Full PDB file with SEQRES, HELIX, SHEET, SSBOND, CRYST1, ORIGX, SCALE, CONECT and MASTER records, all heavy atoms in Angstrom:
SEQRES   1 A   43  VAL ARG HIS ARG GLU ARG ASP THR TRP GLU ILE PRO GLY          
SEQRES   2 A   43  GLY HIS ARG GLU LYS ASP GLU ASN ILE ASP HIS THR ALA          
SEQRES   3 A   43  SER ARG GLU LEU PHE GLU GLU THR GLY ALA LYS LYS PHE          
SEQRES   4 A   43  ILE ILE THR PRO                                              
HELIX    1 AA1 ILE A   22  THR A   34  1                                  13    
CRYST1    1.000    1.000    1.000  90.00  90.00  90.00 P 1           1          
ORIGX1      1.000000  0.000000  0.000000        0.00000                         
ORIGX2      0.000000  1.000000  0.000000        0.00000                         
ORIGX3      0.000000  0.000000  1.000000        0.00000                         
SCALE1      1.000000  0.000000  0.000000        0.00000                         
SCALE2      0.000000  1.000000  0.000000        0.00000                         
SCALE3      0.000000  0.000000  1.000000        0.00000                         
ATOM      1  N   VAL A   1      58.601 114.862  38.415  1.00  0.00           N  
ATOM      2  CA  VAL A   1      59.279 115.460  37.269  1.00  0.00           C  
ATOM      3  C   VAL A   1      58.961 116.950  37.190  1.00  0.00           C  
ATOM      4  O   VAL A   1      57.915 117.396  37.649  1.00  0.00           O  
ATOM      5  CB  VAL A   1      58.888 114.744  35.949  1.00  0.00           C  
ATOM      6  CG1 VAL A   1      59.226 113.262  36.020  1.00  0.00           C  
ATOM      7  CG2 VAL A   1      57.407 114.927  35.621  1.00  0.00           C  
ATOM      8  N   ARG A   2      59.900 117.692  36.595  1.00  0.00           N  
ATOM      9  CA  ARG A   2      59.692 119.129  36.386  1.00  0.00           C  
ATOM     10  C   ARG A   2      59.770 119.416  34.893  1.00  0.00           C  
ATOM     11  O   ARG A   2      60.782 119.144  34.244  1.00  0.00           O  
ATOM     12  CB  ARG A   2      60.732 119.956  37.139  1.00  0.00           C  
ATOM     13  CG  ARG A   2      60.418 121.460  37.074  1.00  0.00           C  
ATOM     14  CD  ARG A   2      61.398 122.289  37.876  1.00  0.00           C  
ATOM     15  NE  ARG A   2      62.766 122.144  37.391  1.00  0.00           N  
ATOM     16  CZ  ARG A   2      63.247 122.743  36.302  1.00  0.00           C  
ATOM     17  NH1 ARG A   2      62.475 123.521  35.544  1.00  0.00           N  
ATOM     18  NH2 ARG A   2      64.508 122.563  35.938  1.00  0.00           N  
ATOM     19  N   HIS A   3      58.682 119.944  34.366  1.00  0.00           N  
ATOM     20  CA  HIS A   3      58.575 120.327  32.961  1.00  0.00           C  
ATOM     21  C   HIS A   3      59.497 121.513  32.685  1.00  0.00           C  
ATOM     22  O   HIS A   3      59.674 122.373  33.547  1.00  0.00           O  
ATOM     23  CB  HIS A   3      57.114 120.699  32.663  1.00  0.00           C  
ATOM     24  CG  HIS A   3      56.806 120.851  31.216  1.00  0.00           C  
ATOM     25  ND1 HIS A   3      57.121 121.992  30.510  1.00  0.00           N  
ATOM     26  CD2 HIS A   3      56.200 120.012  30.345  1.00  0.00           C  
ATOM     27  CE1 HIS A   3      56.719 121.846  29.254  1.00  0.00           C  
ATOM     28  NE2 HIS A   3      56.154 120.656  29.131  1.00  0.00           N  
ATOM     29  N   ARG A   4      60.049 121.570  31.484  1.00  0.00           N  
ATOM     30  CA  ARG A   4      60.970 122.652  31.102  1.00  0.00           C  
ATOM     31  C   ARG A   4      60.368 124.051  31.287  1.00  0.00           C  
ATOM     32  O   ARG A   4      61.097 125.010  31.521  1.00  0.00           O  
ATOM     33  CB  ARG A   4      61.384 122.508  29.636  1.00  0.00           C  
ATOM     34  CG  ARG A   4      62.253 121.339  29.341  1.00  0.00           C  
ATOM     35  CD  ARG A   4      62.767 121.389  27.899  1.00  0.00           C  
ATOM     36  NE  ARG A   4      63.396 120.156  27.499  1.00  0.00           N  
ATOM     37  CZ  ARG A   4      64.598 119.764  27.879  1.00  0.00           C  
ATOM     38  NH1 ARG A   4      65.296 120.513  28.686  1.00  0.00           N  
ATOM     39  NH2 ARG A   4      65.100 118.621  27.476  1.00  0.00           N  
ATOM     40  N   GLU A   5      59.065 124.174  31.127  1.00  0.00           N  
ATOM     41  CA  GLU A   5      58.419 125.488  31.161  1.00  0.00           C  
ATOM     42  C   GLU A   5      57.806 125.832  32.513  1.00  0.00           C  
ATOM     43  O   GLU A   5      57.114 126.841  32.641  1.00  0.00           O  
ATOM     44  CB  GLU A   5      57.344 125.557  30.076  1.00  0.00           C  
ATOM     45  CG  GLU A   5      57.929 125.387  28.686  1.00  0.00           C  
ATOM     46  CD  GLU A   5      56.864 125.278  27.611  1.00  0.00           C  
ATOM     47  OE1 GLU A   5      55.658 125.312  27.936  1.00  0.00           O  
ATOM     48  OE2 GLU A   5      57.247 125.147  26.437  1.00  0.00           O  
ATOM     49  N   ARG A   6      58.053 124.994  33.550  1.00  0.00           N  
ATOM     50  CA  ARG A   6      57.460 125.245  34.859  1.00  0.00           C  
ATOM     51  C   ARG A   6      58.506 125.054  35.952  1.00  0.00           C  
ATOM     52  O   ARG A   6      59.526 124.410  35.737  1.00  0.00           O  
ATOM     53  CB  ARG A   6      56.280 124.291  35.089  1.00  0.00           C  
ATOM     54  CG  ARG A   6      55.146 124.502  34.088  1.00  0.00           C  
ATOM     55  CD  ARG A   6      53.922 123.668  34.428  1.00  0.00           C  
ATOM     56  NE  ARG A   6      53.926 122.336  33.855  1.00  0.00           N  
ATOM     57  CZ  ARG A   6      53.534 122.013  32.634  1.00  0.00           C  
ATOM     58  NH1 ARG A   6      53.147 122.939  31.787  1.00  0.00           N  
ATOM     59  NH2 ARG A   6      53.537 120.760  32.226  1.00  0.00           N  
ATOM     60  N   ASP A   7      58.200 125.591  37.123  1.00  0.00           N  
ATOM     61  CA  ASP A   7      59.097 125.397  38.264  1.00  0.00           C  
ATOM     62  C   ASP A   7      58.425 124.560  39.352  1.00  0.00           C  
ATOM     63  O   ASP A   7      58.824 124.580  40.504  1.00  0.00           O  
ATOM     64  CB  ASP A   7      59.592 126.738  38.820  1.00  0.00           C  
ATOM     65  CG  ASP A   7      58.472 127.624  39.324  1.00  0.00           C  
ATOM     66  OD1 ASP A   7      57.293 127.206  39.273  1.00  0.00           O  
ATOM     67  OD2 ASP A   7      58.769 128.736  39.794  1.00  0.00           O  
ATOM     68  N   THR A   8      57.396 123.807  38.960  1.00  0.00           N  
ATOM     69  CA  THR A   8      56.647 122.972  39.893  1.00  0.00           C  
ATOM     70  C   THR A   8      56.866 121.498  39.551  1.00  0.00           C  
ATOM     71  O   THR A   8      57.350 121.159  38.474  1.00  0.00           O  
ATOM     72  CB  THR A   8      55.150 123.304  39.807  1.00  0.00           C  
ATOM     73  OG1 THR A   8      54.756 123.267  38.430  1.00  0.00           O  
ATOM     74  CG2 THR A   8      54.857 124.692  40.377  1.00  0.00           C  
ATOM     75  N   TRP A   9      56.484 120.625  40.487  1.00  0.00           N  
ATOM     76  CA  TRP A   9      56.683 119.183  40.324  1.00  0.00           C  
ATOM     77  C   TRP A   9      55.402 118.490  39.916  1.00  0.00           C  
ATOM     78  O   TRP A   9      54.310 118.918  40.300  1.00  0.00           O  
ATOM     79  CB  TRP A   9      57.226 118.589  41.626  1.00  0.00           C  
ATOM     80  CG  TRP A   9      58.572 119.137  41.927  1.00  0.00           C  
ATOM     81  CD1 TRP A   9      58.879 120.140  42.818  1.00  0.00           C  
ATOM     82  CD2 TRP A   9      59.806 118.773  41.302  1.00  0.00           C  
ATOM     83  NE1 TRP A   9      60.223 120.400  42.780  1.00  0.00           N  
ATOM     84  CE2 TRP A   9      60.817 119.575  41.866  1.00  0.00           C  
ATOM     85  CE3 TRP A   9      60.142 117.841  40.326  1.00  0.00           C  
ATOM     86  CZ2 TRP A   9      62.153 119.471  41.479  1.00  0.00           C  
ATOM     87  CZ3 TRP A   9      61.471 117.733  39.948  1.00  0.00           C  
ATOM     88  CH2 TRP A   9      62.457 118.536  40.523  1.00  0.00           C  
ATOM     89  N   GLU A  10      55.559 117.411  39.150  1.00  0.00           N  
ATOM     90  CA  GLU A  10      54.413 116.667  38.632  1.00  0.00           C  
ATOM     91  C   GLU A  10      54.654 115.174  38.757  1.00  0.00           C  
ATOM     92  O   GLU A  10      55.791 114.714  38.709  1.00  0.00           O  
ATOM     93  CB  GLU A  10      54.181 116.990  37.150  1.00  0.00           C  
ATOM     94  CG  GLU A  10      54.000 118.454  36.883  1.00  0.00           C  
ATOM     95  CD  GLU A  10      53.970 118.802  35.400  1.00  0.00           C  
ATOM     96  OE1 GLU A  10      53.770 117.903  34.555  1.00  0.00           O  
ATOM     97  OE2 GLU A  10      54.157 119.991  35.097  1.00  0.00           O  
ATOM     98  N   ILE A  11      53.566 114.429  38.853  1.00  0.00           N  
ATOM     99  CA  ILE A  11      53.623 112.986  38.735  1.00  0.00           C  
ATOM    100  C   ILE A  11      53.837 112.679  37.252  1.00  0.00           C  
ATOM    101  O   ILE A  11      53.207 113.302  36.398  1.00  0.00           O  
ATOM    102  CB  ILE A  11      52.304 112.351  39.232  1.00  0.00           C  
ATOM    103  CG1 ILE A  11      52.117 112.613  40.729  1.00  0.00           C  
ATOM    104  CG2 ILE A  11      52.273 110.855  38.937  1.00  0.00           C  
ATOM    105  CD1 ILE A  11      50.740 112.227  41.255  1.00  0.00           C  
ATOM    106  N   PRO A  12      54.722 111.747  36.911  1.00  0.00           N  
ATOM    107  CA  PRO A  12      54.914 111.417  35.487  1.00  0.00           C  
ATOM    108  C   PRO A  12      53.606 110.971  34.830  1.00  0.00           C  
ATOM    109  O   PRO A  12      52.785 110.291  35.459  1.00  0.00           O  
ATOM    110  CB  PRO A  12      55.912 110.251  35.522  1.00  0.00           C  
ATOM    111  CG  PRO A  12      56.578 110.334  36.848  1.00  0.00           C  
ATOM    112  CD  PRO A  12      55.569 110.939  37.785  1.00  0.00           C  
ATOM    113  N   GLY A  13      53.437 111.358  33.593  1.00  0.00           N  
ATOM    114  CA  GLY A  13      52.245 110.956  32.850  1.00  0.00           C  
ATOM    115  C   GLY A  13      52.015 111.861  31.667  1.00  0.00           C  
ATOM    116  O   GLY A  13      52.736 112.832  31.462  1.00  0.00           O  
ATOM    117  N   GLY A  14      50.991 111.521  30.900  1.00  0.00           N  
ATOM    118  CA  GLY A  14      50.709 112.355  29.746  1.00  0.00           C  
ATOM    119  C   GLY A  14      49.548 111.856  28.919  1.00  0.00           C  
ATOM    120  O   GLY A  14      48.825 110.947  29.316  1.00  0.00           O  
ATOM    121  N   HIS A  15      49.401 112.488  27.771  1.00  0.00           N  
ATOM    122  CA  HIS A  15      48.279 112.238  26.871  1.00  0.00           C  
ATOM    123  C   HIS A  15      48.451 110.953  26.065  1.00  0.00           C  
ATOM    124  O   HIS A  15      49.544 110.633  25.623  1.00  0.00           O  
ATOM    125  CB  HIS A  15      48.130 113.398  25.879  1.00  0.00           C  
ATOM    126  CG  HIS A  15      47.651 114.648  26.506  1.00  0.00           C  
ATOM    127  ND1 HIS A  15      48.516 115.553  27.079  1.00  0.00           N  
ATOM    128  CD2 HIS A  15      46.410 115.142  26.666  1.00  0.00           C  
ATOM    129  CE1 HIS A  15      47.810 116.569  27.549  1.00  0.00           C  
ATOM    130  NE2 HIS A  15      46.542 116.345  27.317  1.00  0.00           N  
ATOM    131  N   ARG A  16      47.341 110.310  25.864  1.00  0.00           N  
ATOM    132  CA  ARG A  16      47.267 109.133  25.006  1.00  0.00           C  
ATOM    133  C   ARG A  16      47.340 109.584  23.550  1.00  0.00           C  
ATOM    134  O   ARG A  16      46.696 110.561  23.156  1.00  0.00           O  
ATOM    135  CB  ARG A  16      45.924 108.453  25.285  1.00  0.00           C  
ATOM    136  CG  ARG A  16      45.655 107.207  24.513  1.00  0.00           C  
ATOM    137  CD  ARG A  16      44.243 106.729  24.869  1.00  0.00           C  
ATOM    138  NE  ARG A  16      44.068 105.341  24.553  1.00  0.00           N  
ATOM    139  CZ  ARG A  16      42.983 104.656  24.878  1.00  0.00           C  
ATOM    140  NH1 ARG A  16      42.004 105.223  25.548  1.00  0.00           N  
ATOM    141  NH2 ARG A  16      42.882 103.392  24.548  1.00  0.00           N  
ATOM    142  N   GLU A  17      48.136 108.889  22.754  1.00  0.00           N  
ATOM    143  CA  GLU A  17      48.219 109.194  21.330  1.00  0.00           C  
ATOM    144  C   GLU A  17      47.107 108.472  20.573  1.00  0.00           C  
ATOM    145  O   GLU A  17      46.531 107.503  21.072  1.00  0.00           O  
ATOM    146  CB  GLU A  17      49.598 108.796  20.803  1.00  0.00           C  
ATOM    147  CG  GLU A  17      50.708 109.632  21.408  1.00  0.00           C  
ATOM    148  CD  GLU A  17      52.086 109.262  20.915  1.00  0.00           C  
ATOM    149  OE1 GLU A  17      52.233 108.272  20.157  1.00  0.00           O  
ATOM    150  OE2 GLU A  17      53.036 109.963  21.295  1.00  0.00           O  
ATOM    151  N   LYS A  18      46.821 108.939  19.371  1.00  0.00           N  
ATOM    152  CA  LYS A  18      45.748 108.355  18.556  1.00  0.00           C  
ATOM    153  C   LYS A  18      45.976 106.853  18.380  1.00  0.00           C  
ATOM    154  O   LYS A  18      47.064 106.415  18.022  1.00  0.00           O  
ATOM    155  CB  LYS A  18      45.711 109.049  17.194  1.00  0.00           C  
ATOM    156  CG  LYS A  18      44.566 108.603  16.306  1.00  0.00           C  
ATOM    157  CD  LYS A  18      44.514 109.419  15.046  1.00  0.00           C  
ATOM    158  CE  LYS A  18      43.512 109.013  14.021  1.00  0.00           C  
ATOM    159  NZ  LYS A  18      42.460 108.136  14.321  1.00  0.00           N  
ATOM    160  N   ASP A  19      44.923 106.077  18.651  1.00  0.00           N  
ATOM    161  CA  ASP A  19      44.917 104.612  18.507  1.00  0.00           C  
ATOM    162  C   ASP A  19      45.894 103.891  19.432  1.00  0.00           C  
ATOM    163  O   ASP A  19      46.208 102.725  19.206  1.00  0.00           O  
ATOM    164  CB  ASP A  19      45.193 104.195  17.050  1.00  0.00           C  
ATOM    165  CG  ASP A  19      44.121 104.709  16.101  1.00  0.00           C  
ATOM    166  OD1 ASP A  19      42.940 104.758  16.511  1.00  0.00           O  
ATOM    167  OD2 ASP A  19      44.464 105.070  14.960  1.00  0.00           O  
ATOM    168  N   GLU A  20      46.380 104.564  20.484  1.00  0.00           N  
ATOM    169  CA  GLU A  20      47.321 103.943  21.416  1.00  0.00           C  
ATOM    170  C   GLU A  20      46.561 103.265  22.560  1.00  0.00           C  
ATOM    171  O   GLU A  20      45.603 103.817  23.082  1.00  0.00           O  
ATOM    172  CB  GLU A  20      48.261 105.020  21.977  1.00  0.00           C  
ATOM    173  CG  GLU A  20      49.350 104.491  22.870  1.00  0.00           C  
ATOM    174  CD  GLU A  20      50.288 105.595  23.353  1.00  0.00           C  
ATOM    175  OE1 GLU A  20      49.796 106.680  23.729  1.00  0.00           O  
ATOM    176  OE2 GLU A  20      51.507 105.361  23.355  1.00  0.00           O  
ATOM    177  N   ASN A  21      47.012 102.089  22.943  1.00  0.00           N  
ATOM    178  CA  ASN A  21      46.470 101.407  24.112  1.00  0.00           C  
ATOM    179  C   ASN A  21      46.871 102.210  25.350  1.00  0.00           C  
ATOM    180  O   ASN A  21      48.023 102.626  25.467  1.00  0.00           O  
ATOM    181  CB  ASN A  21      47.050  99.983  24.156  1.00  0.00           C  
ATOM    182  CG  ASN A  21      46.624  99.232  25.380  1.00  0.00           C  
ATOM    183  OD1 ASN A  21      47.088  99.506  26.482  1.00  0.00           O  
ATOM    184  ND2 ASN A  21      45.753  98.257  25.188  1.00  0.00           N  
ATOM    185  N   ILE A  22      45.947 102.421  26.280  1.00  0.00           N  
ATOM    186  CA  ILE A  22      46.216 103.268  27.443  1.00  0.00           C  
ATOM    187  C   ILE A  22      47.345 102.701  28.308  1.00  0.00           C  
ATOM    188  O   ILE A  22      48.112 103.454  28.907  1.00  0.00           O  
ATOM    189  CB  ILE A  22      44.932 103.526  28.271  1.00  0.00           C  
ATOM    190  CG1 ILE A  22      45.136 104.681  29.268  1.00  0.00           C  
ATOM    191  CG2 ILE A  22      44.463 102.275  28.977  1.00  0.00           C  
ATOM    192  CD1 ILE A  22      45.318 106.037  28.642  1.00  0.00           C  
ATOM    193  N   ASP A  23      47.487 101.381  28.362  1.00  0.00           N  
ATOM    194  CA  ASP A  23      48.594 100.796  29.114  1.00  0.00           C  
ATOM    195  C   ASP A  23      49.937 101.123  28.446  1.00  0.00           C  
ATOM    196  O   ASP A  23      50.941 101.361  29.121  1.00  0.00           O  
ATOM    197  CB  ASP A  23      48.418  99.281  29.258  1.00  0.00           C  
ATOM    198  CG  ASP A  23      47.192  98.924  30.103  1.00  0.00           C  
ATOM    199  OD1 ASP A  23      46.737  99.759  30.912  1.00  0.00           O  
ATOM    200  OD2 ASP A  23      46.695  97.792  29.948  1.00  0.00           O  
ATOM    201  N   HIS A  24      49.938 101.143  27.119  1.00  0.00           N  
ATOM    202  CA  HIS A  24      51.149 101.531  26.396  1.00  0.00           C  
ATOM    203  C   HIS A  24      51.454 103.010  26.624  1.00  0.00           C  
ATOM    204  O   HIS A  24      52.622 103.400  26.747  1.00  0.00           O  
ATOM    205  CB  HIS A  24      51.026 101.232  24.898  1.00  0.00           C  
ATOM    206  CG  HIS A  24      52.277 101.552  24.152  1.00  0.00           C  
ATOM    207  ND1 HIS A  24      52.449 102.742  23.477  1.00  0.00           N  
ATOM    208  CD2 HIS A  24      53.436 100.869  24.017  1.00  0.00           C  
ATOM    209  CE1 HIS A  24      53.650 102.773  22.935  1.00  0.00           C  
ATOM    210  NE2 HIS A  24      54.273 101.652  23.246  1.00  0.00           N  
ATOM    211  N   THR A  25      50.407 103.831  26.693  1.00  0.00           N  
ATOM    212  CA  THR A  25      50.594 105.256  26.992  1.00  0.00           C  
ATOM    213  C   THR A  25      51.393 105.411  28.276  1.00  0.00           C  
ATOM    214  O   THR A  25      52.354 106.178  28.334  1.00  0.00           O  
ATOM    215  CB  THR A  25      49.232 105.970  27.160  1.00  0.00           C  
ATOM    216  OG1 THR A  25      48.477 105.853  25.960  1.00  0.00           O  
ATOM    217  CG2 THR A  25      49.407 107.436  27.524  1.00  0.00           C  
ATOM    218  N   ALA A  26      50.988 104.673  29.305  1.00  0.00           N  
ATOM    219  CA  ALA A  26      51.656 104.791  30.603  1.00  0.00           C  
ATOM    220  C   ALA A  26      53.119 104.364  30.522  1.00  0.00           C  
ATOM    221  O   ALA A  26      54.000 105.060  31.040  1.00  0.00           O  
ATOM    222  CB  ALA A  26      50.911 103.966  31.647  1.00  0.00           C  
ATOM    223  N   SER A  27      53.395 103.249  29.872  1.00  0.00           N  
ATOM    224  CA  SER A  27      54.785 102.789  29.748  1.00  0.00           C  
ATOM    225  C   SER A  27      55.623 103.775  28.937  1.00  0.00           C  
ATOM    226  O   SER A  27      56.769 104.084  29.297  1.00  0.00           O  
ATOM    227  CB  SER A  27      54.825 101.413  29.087  1.00  0.00           C  
ATOM    228  OG  SER A  27      54.240 100.449  29.915  1.00  0.00           O  
ATOM    229  N   ARG A  28      55.057 104.280  27.858  1.00  0.00           N  
ATOM    230  CA  ARG A  28      55.772 105.254  27.012  1.00  0.00           C  
ATOM    231  C   ARG A  28      56.057 106.529  27.797  1.00  0.00           C  
ATOM    232  O   ARG A  28      57.182 107.042  27.799  1.00  0.00           O  
ATOM    233  CB  ARG A  28      54.941 105.568  25.763  1.00  0.00           C  
ATOM    234  CG  ARG A  28      55.571 106.627  24.857  1.00  0.00           C  
ATOM    235  CD  ARG A  28      54.691 106.950  23.657  1.00  0.00           C  
ATOM    236  NE  ARG A  28      53.333 107.315  23.996  1.00  0.00           N  
ATOM    237  CZ  ARG A  28      52.953 108.493  24.496  1.00  0.00           C  
ATOM    238  NH1 ARG A  28      53.858 109.441  24.739  1.00  0.00           N  
ATOM    239  NH2 ARG A  28      51.684 108.744  24.756  1.00  0.00           N  
ATOM    240  N   GLU A  29      55.044 107.050  28.471  1.00  0.00           N  
ATOM    241  CA  GLU A  29      55.204 108.287  29.229  1.00  0.00           C  
ATOM    242  C   GLU A  29      56.197 108.112  30.379  1.00  0.00           C  
ATOM    243  O   GLU A  29      56.981 109.012  30.670  1.00  0.00           O  
ATOM    244  CB  GLU A  29      53.858 108.795  29.759  1.00  0.00           C  
ATOM    245  CG  GLU A  29      52.949 109.362  28.687  1.00  0.00           C  
ATOM    246  CD  GLU A  29      53.402 110.721  28.155  1.00  0.00           C  
ATOM    247  OE1 GLU A  29      54.310 111.357  28.738  1.00  0.00           O  
ATOM    248  OE2 GLU A  29      52.827 111.161  27.131  1.00  0.00           O  
ATOM    249  N   LEU A  30      56.172 106.957  31.029  1.00  0.00           N  
ATOM    250  CA  LEU A  30      57.111 106.718  32.120  1.00  0.00           C  
ATOM    251  C   LEU A  30      58.549 106.794  31.608  1.00  0.00           C  
ATOM    252  O   LEU A  30      59.404 107.435  32.220  1.00  0.00           O  
ATOM    253  CB  LEU A  30      56.838 105.370  32.789  1.00  0.00           C  
ATOM    254  CG  LEU A  30      57.679 105.085  34.034  1.00  0.00           C  
ATOM    255  CD1 LEU A  30      57.399 106.091  35.148  1.00  0.00           C  
ATOM    256  CD2 LEU A  30      57.413 103.660  34.523  1.00  0.00           C  
ATOM    257  N   PHE A  31      58.812 106.169  30.459  1.00  0.00           N  
ATOM    258  CA  PHE A  31      60.147 106.252  29.870  1.00  0.00           C  
ATOM    259  C   PHE A  31      60.472 107.687  29.454  1.00  0.00           C  
ATOM    260  O   PHE A  31      61.541 108.220  29.779  1.00  0.00           O  
ATOM    261  CB  PHE A  31      60.293 105.325  28.656  1.00  0.00           C  
ATOM    262  CG  PHE A  31      61.527 105.625  27.869  1.00  0.00           C  
ATOM    263  CD1 PHE A  31      62.786 105.273  28.354  1.00  0.00           C  
ATOM    264  CD2 PHE A  31      61.451 106.302  26.658  1.00  0.00           C  
ATOM    265  CE1 PHE A  31      63.943 105.600  27.645  1.00  0.00           C  
ATOM    266  CE2 PHE A  31      62.601 106.627  25.946  1.00  0.00           C  
ATOM    267  CZ  PHE A  31      63.839 106.266  26.448  1.00  0.00           C  
ATOM    268  N   GLU A  32      59.561 108.331  28.716  1.00  0.00           N  
ATOM    269  CA  GLU A  32      59.829 109.672  28.195  1.00  0.00           C  
ATOM    270  C   GLU A  32      60.066 110.690  29.295  1.00  0.00           C  
ATOM    271  O   GLU A  32      60.853 111.624  29.133  1.00  0.00           O  
ATOM    272  CB  GLU A  32      58.665 110.145  27.310  1.00  0.00           C  
ATOM    273  CG  GLU A  32      58.576 109.429  25.991  1.00  0.00           C  
ATOM    274  CD  GLU A  32      57.394 109.867  25.139  1.00  0.00           C  
ATOM    275  OE1 GLU A  32      56.610 110.746  25.579  1.00  0.00           O  
ATOM    276  OE2 GLU A  32      57.258 109.324  24.030  1.00  0.00           O  
ATOM    277  N   GLU A  33      59.373 110.533  30.425  1.00  0.00           N  
ATOM    278  CA  GLU A  33      59.450 111.551  31.473  1.00  0.00           C  
ATOM    279  C   GLU A  33      60.444 111.245  32.578  1.00  0.00           C  
ATOM    280  O   GLU A  33      60.784 112.144  33.350  1.00  0.00           O  
ATOM    281  CB  GLU A  33      58.062 111.818  32.045  1.00  0.00           C  
ATOM    282  CG  GLU A  33      57.135 112.376  30.988  1.00  0.00           C  
ATOM    283  CD  GLU A  33      55.980 113.178  31.531  1.00  0.00           C  
ATOM    284  OE1 GLU A  33      55.731 113.128  32.756  1.00  0.00           O  
ATOM    285  OE2 GLU A  33      55.324 113.860  30.730  1.00  0.00           O  
ATOM    286  N   THR A  34      60.902 109.991  32.680  1.00  0.00           N  
ATOM    287  CA  THR A  34      61.842 109.649  33.755  1.00  0.00           C  
ATOM    288  C   THR A  34      63.114 108.971  33.250  1.00  0.00           C  
ATOM    289  O   THR A  34      64.088 108.904  33.985  1.00  0.00           O  
ATOM    290  CB  THR A  34      61.199 108.705  34.795  1.00  0.00           C  
ATOM    291  OG1 THR A  34      60.972 107.425  34.202  1.00  0.00           O  
ATOM    292  CG2 THR A  34      59.914 109.278  35.358  1.00  0.00           C  
ATOM    293  N   GLY A  35      63.098 108.422  32.055  1.00  0.00           N  
ATOM    294  CA  GLY A  35      64.221 107.640  31.567  1.00  0.00           C  
ATOM    295  C   GLY A  35      64.200 106.206  32.068  1.00  0.00           C  
ATOM    296  O   GLY A  35      65.177 105.475  31.918  1.00  0.00           O  
ATOM    297  N   ALA A  36      63.074 105.782  32.654  1.00  0.00           N  
ATOM    298  CA  ALA A  36      62.963 104.418  33.192  1.00  0.00           C  
ATOM    299  C   ALA A  36      63.221 103.395  32.088  1.00  0.00           C  
ATOM    300  O   ALA A  36      62.586 103.425  31.047  1.00  0.00           O  
ATOM    301  CB  ALA A  36      61.588 104.200  33.807  1.00  0.00           C  
ATOM    302  N   LYS A  37      64.189 102.485  32.344  1.00  0.00           N  
ATOM    303  CA  LYS A  37      64.530 101.447  31.377  1.00  0.00           C  
ATOM    304  C   LYS A  37      63.918 100.105  31.759  1.00  0.00           C  
ATOM    305  O   LYS A  37      63.457  99.362  30.906  1.00  0.00           O  
ATOM    306  CB  LYS A  37      66.047 101.308  31.269  1.00  0.00           C  
ATOM    307  CG  LYS A  37      66.716 102.502  30.621  1.00  0.00           C  
ATOM    308  CD  LYS A  37      68.224 102.425  30.676  1.00  0.00           C  
ATOM    309  CE  LYS A  37      68.741 101.309  29.803  1.00  0.00           C  
ATOM    310  NZ  LYS A  37      70.220 101.288  29.747  1.00  0.00           N  
ATOM    311  N   LYS A  38      63.938  99.790  33.051  1.00  0.00           N  
ATOM    312  CA  LYS A  38      63.351  98.542  33.548  1.00  0.00           C  
ATOM    313  C   LYS A  38      62.391  98.905  34.665  1.00  0.00           C  
ATOM    314  O   LYS A  38      62.770  99.611  35.609  1.00  0.00           O  
ATOM    315  CB  LYS A  38      64.432  97.602  34.070  1.00  0.00           C  
ATOM    316  CG  LYS A  38      65.370  97.090  33.010  1.00  0.00           C  
ATOM    317  CD  LYS A  38      66.378  96.134  33.599  1.00  0.00           C  
ATOM    318  CE  LYS A  38      67.358  95.672  32.520  1.00  0.00           C  
ATOM    319  NZ  LYS A  38      68.412  94.818  33.076  1.00  0.00           N  
ATOM    320  N   PHE A  39      61.153  98.411  34.531  1.00  0.00           N  
ATOM    321  CA  PHE A  39      60.149  98.751  35.535  1.00  0.00           C  
ATOM    322  C   PHE A  39      58.998  97.758  35.507  1.00  0.00           C  
ATOM    323  O   PHE A  39      58.783  97.057  34.522  1.00  0.00           O  
ATOM    324  CB  PHE A  39      59.623 100.171  35.330  1.00  0.00           C  
ATOM    325  CG  PHE A  39      59.136 100.462  33.931  1.00  0.00           C  
ATOM    326  CD1 PHE A  39      57.836 100.181  33.556  1.00  0.00           C  
ATOM    327  CD2 PHE A  39      59.989 101.014  32.988  1.00  0.00           C  
ATOM    328  CE1 PHE A  39      57.388 100.450  32.266  1.00  0.00           C  
ATOM    329  CE2 PHE A  39      59.554 101.291  31.690  1.00  0.00           C  
ATOM    330  CZ  PHE A  39      58.255 101.006  31.343  1.00  0.00           C  
ATOM    331  N   ILE A  40      58.294  97.731  36.613  1.00  0.00           N  
ATOM    332  CA  ILE A  40      57.039  96.987  36.726  1.00  0.00           C  
ATOM    333  C   ILE A  40      55.959  98.052  36.836  1.00  0.00           C  
ATOM    334  O   ILE A  40      56.063  98.962  37.673  1.00  0.00           O  
ATOM    335  CB  ILE A  40      57.027  96.091  37.981  1.00  0.00           C  
ATOM    336  CG1 ILE A  40      58.147  95.059  37.906  1.00  0.00           C  
ATOM    337  CG2 ILE A  40      55.664  95.415  38.142  1.00  0.00           C  
ATOM    338  CD1 ILE A  40      58.405  94.346  39.221  1.00  0.00           C  
ATOM    339  N   ILE A  41      54.945  97.963  35.992  1.00  0.00           N  
ATOM    340  CA  ILE A  41      53.878  98.963  36.015  1.00  0.00           C  
ATOM    341  C   ILE A  41      52.544  98.248  36.171  1.00  0.00           C  
ATOM    342  O   ILE A  41      52.295  97.240  35.512  1.00  0.00           O  
ATOM    343  CB  ILE A  41      53.941  99.861  34.755  1.00  0.00           C  
ATOM    344  CG1 ILE A  41      53.010 101.051  34.887  1.00  0.00           C  
ATOM    345  CG2 ILE A  41      53.687  99.062  33.503  1.00  0.00           C  
ATOM    346  CD1 ILE A  41      53.273 102.145  33.860  1.00  0.00           C  
ATOM    347  N   THR A  42      51.714  98.782  37.068  1.00  0.00           N  
ATOM    348  CA  THR A  42      50.443  98.141  37.401  1.00  0.00           C  
ATOM    349  C   THR A  42      49.307  99.156  37.305  1.00  0.00           C  
ATOM    350  O   THR A  42      49.383 100.215  37.939  1.00  0.00           O  
ATOM    351  CB  THR A  42      50.495  97.582  38.840  1.00  0.00           C  
ATOM    352  OG1 THR A  42      51.634  96.733  38.969  1.00  0.00           O  
ATOM    353  CG2 THR A  42      49.235  96.828  39.180  1.00  0.00           C  
ATOM    354  N   PRO A  43      48.258  98.855  36.549  1.00  0.00           N  
ATOM    355  CA  PRO A  43      47.096  99.749  36.549  1.00  0.00           C  
ATOM    356  C   PRO A  43      46.366  99.647  37.886  1.00  0.00           C  
ATOM    357  O   PRO A  43      46.170  98.554  38.405  1.00  0.00           O  
ATOM    358  CB  PRO A  43      46.238  99.234  35.395  1.00  0.00           C  
ATOM    359  CG  PRO A  43      46.703  97.845  35.131  1.00  0.00           C  
ATOM    360  CD  PRO A  43      48.097  97.720  35.648  1.00  0.00           C  
TER     361      PRO A  43                                                      
MASTER        0    0    0    1    0    0    0    6  360    1    0    4          
END                                                                             
């Protein structure tokens, strides 16, 4: 993914929100950063 403020590429991901389960963080970030609707995610 490429952030709006950069011209470089990144692996999708991001910060955990307050009281959020880290596995939920990953699923949320994957959707927010890629638009993924159906996926299998493995820690």
